[in-house]
Amino acid sequence: MKLRTPWITLLGAGALLVAGQAMAQQATPSPPPPPGTGQADTTAPMSSDASAHSQAVFQTPQGEVTLRSTLPTPAPASTPPPFEQLAGGGKFISADQASAYPPLANDFDYADSNRDHRVSAAEYARWSKQQ
């Protein structure tokens, strides 16, 4: 009886290994089907120009789908308003006051370097230099 136990254990481990490999092969997702009849529109060639765009038209079971690729328009460069204007005459800019200037509202956590939930004049000056 003692001689059979190692063989049975080894045989069982081998069977589990083979079964695991078979399940892994079945679980591997098949590659997605190729897109319909994708036809690139050549009316707008690709270039490094900011106005460059391209589009591709695909036929799907639900109908025709057109994909367009364009570059985003650059944000206008503007100088940040004075600290006093945003602070409303106070010593700090709150998150609500920062919403008056969207770039600051977006970077509020970054501008608030000491994490006290308000931006001081020094923090605002440091943040404005990087804009």
Protein backbone atom coordinates (compact mmCIF):
# COMPACT_ATOMS: atom_id res chain seq x y z
CA MET A 1 0.00 0.00 0.00
CA LYS A 2 2.85 2.38 0.71
CA LEU A 3 4.34 1.90 -2.76
CA ARG A 4 1.10 2.84 -4.52
CA THR A 5 0.58 6.14 -2.71
CA PRO A 6 3.44 8.07 -4.40
CA TRP A 7 2.43 6.75 -7.82
CA ILE A 8 -1.20 7.64 -7.32
CA THR A 9 -0.24 11.12 -6.17
CA LEU A 10 2.08 11.58 -9.14
CA LEU A 11 -0.54 10.25 -11.54
CA GLY A 12 -3.19 12.56 -10.07
CA ALA A 13 -0.86 15.58 -10.34
CA GLY A 14 -0.10 14.75 -13.98
CA ALA A 15 -3.82 14.43 -14.76
CA LEU A 16 -4.50 17.82 -13.14
CA LEU A 17 -1.68 19.39 -15.15
CA VAL A 18 -3.02 18.04 -18.43
CA ALA A 19 -6.58 19.10 -17.54
CA GLY A 20 -5.35 22.60 -16.61
CA GLN A 21 -3.55 22.99 -19.90
CA ALA A 22 -6.63 21.86 -21.82
CA MET A 23 -8.81 24.37 -19.95
CA ALA A 24 -6.29 27.15 -20.55
CA GLN A 25 -6.35 26.49 -24.28
CA GLN A 26 -10.14 26.62 -24.28
CA ALA A 27 -10.19 29.83 -22.21
CA THR A 28 -7.80 31.67 -24.55
CA PRO A 29 -9.94 34.20 -26.41
CA SER A 30 -9.95 33.96 -30.13
CA PRO A 31 -8.70 37.02 -31.98
CA PRO A 32 -11.41 39.53 -32.85
CA PRO A 33 -12.84 39.27 -36.32
CA PRO A 34 -11.31 41.63 -38.81
CA PRO A 35 -13.23 44.88 -39.18
CA GLY A 36 -15.75 45.00 -41.97
CA THR A 37 -14.70 46.35 -45.27
CA GLY A 38 -12.63 49.22 -43.94
CA GLN A 39 -11.95 51.72 -46.64
CA ALA A 40 -9.83 54.72 -45.77
CA ASP A 41 -11.02 57.99 -47.22
CA THR A 42 -8.16 59.55 -49.12
CA THR A 43 -9.75 62.98 -49.44
CA ALA A 44 -7.73 64.24 -46.44
CA PRO A 45 -4.12 63.04 -46.37
CA MET A 46 -2.30 62.73 -43.06
CA SER A 47 0.32 65.35 -42.28
CA SER A 48 1.88 66.99 -39.25
CA ASP A 49 -0.32 70.06 -39.72
CA ALA A 50 -2.70 70.74 -36.80
CA SER A 51 -5.65 70.78 -39.19
CA ALA A 52 -4.79 67.36 -40.63
CA HIS A 53 -7.40 64.67 -40.30
CA SER A 54 -8.30 61.33 -41.72
CA GLN A 55 -11.33 59.16 -41.70
CA ALA A 56 -12.21 55.54 -42.29
CA VAL A 57 -15.58 54.06 -43.20
CA PHE A 58 -16.54 50.59 -41.95
CA GLN A 59 -19.57 48.49 -42.79
CA THR A 60 -21.04 46.83 -39.68
CA PRO A 61 -24.15 44.72 -39.15
CA GLN A 62 -25.78 47.82 -37.60
CA GLY A 63 -24.88 50.02 -40.57
CA GLU A 64 -22.07 52.23 -41.78
CA VAL A 65 -19.68 53.69 -39.19
CA THR A 66 -17.34 56.57 -39.98
CA LEU A 67 -14.32 57.15 -37.75
CA ARG A 68 -12.67 60.55 -37.93
CA SER A 69 -9.33 61.42 -36.41
CA THR A 70 -8.39 65.03 -35.78
CA LEU A 71 -5.95 66.87 -33.57
CA PRO A 72 -7.44 68.93 -30.75
CA THR A 73 -7.31 72.68 -31.05
CA PRO A 74 -4.62 74.16 -28.84
CA ALA A 75 -5.76 76.02 -25.75
CA PRO A 76 -5.46 79.77 -26.05
CA ALA A 77 -2.51 81.17 -24.18
CA SER A 78 -3.65 83.66 -21.60
CA THR A 79 -1.95 85.21 -18.63
CA PRO A 80 -3.38 84.23 -15.26
CA PRO A 81 -5.46 86.92 -13.54
CA PRO A 82 -3.97 88.74 -10.56
CA PHE A 83 -4.07 86.92 -7.21
CA GLU A 84 -6.15 89.68 -5.64
CA GLN A 85 -8.86 89.30 -8.29
CA LEU A 86 -9.26 85.56 -7.69
CA ALA A 87 -8.94 85.83 -3.91
CA GLY A 88 -11.62 88.53 -3.76
CA GLY A 89 -9.41 90.74 -1.60
CA GLY A 90 -8.61 87.88 0.81
CA LYS A 91 -5.33 86.21 1.69
CA PHE A 92 -6.12 82.86 0.03
CA ILE A 93 -7.90 81.41 -2.99
CA SER A 94 -10.44 78.70 -2.16
CA ALA A 95 -11.44 75.93 -4.53
CA ASP A 96 -14.71 77.76 -5.24
CA GLN A 97 -12.86 80.98 -6.08
CA ALA A 98 -10.42 79.05 -8.29
CA SER A 99 -13.32 77.92 -10.47
CA ALA A 100 -13.39 81.47 -11.90
CA TYR A 101 -10.14 80.62 -13.72
CA PRO A 102 -10.45 77.07 -15.19
CA PRO A 103 -6.69 76.37 -15.53
CA LEU A 104 -6.26 77.04 -11.80
CA ALA A 105 -9.36 75.04 -10.93
CA ASN A 106 -7.92 72.13 -12.94
CA ASP A 107 -4.52 72.40 -11.19
CA PHE A 108 -5.85 73.39 -7.77
CA ASP A 109 -4.43 70.35 -5.94
CA TYR A 110 -1.07 70.89 -7.62
CA ALA A 111 -1.03 74.64 -6.87
CA ASP A 112 -1.94 73.94 -3.22
CA SER A 113 1.52 72.61 -2.44
CA ASN A 114 1.06 72.48 1.35
CA ARG A 115 -2.33 70.70 1.04
CA ASP A 116 -4.26 73.12 3.27
CA HIS A 117 -7.16 73.32 0.75
CA ARG A 118 -6.40 76.92 -0.18
CA VAL A 119 -3.84 78.64 -2.39
CA SER A 120 -1.72 81.40 -0.89
CA ALA A 121 -0.19 84.30 -2.81
CA ALA A 122 3.21 82.54 -2.82
CA GLU A 123 1.71 79.27 -4.08
CA TYR A 124 -0.21 81.16 -6.77
CA ALA A 125 2.94 83.00 -7.88
CA ARG A 126 4.85 79.71 -8.11
CA TRP A 127 1.99 78.08 -10.05
CA SER A 128 1.60 81.09 -12.42
CA LYS A 129 5.29 81.01 -13.40
CA GLN A 130 4.81 77.48 -14.73
CA GLN A 131 1.86 78.47 -16.91
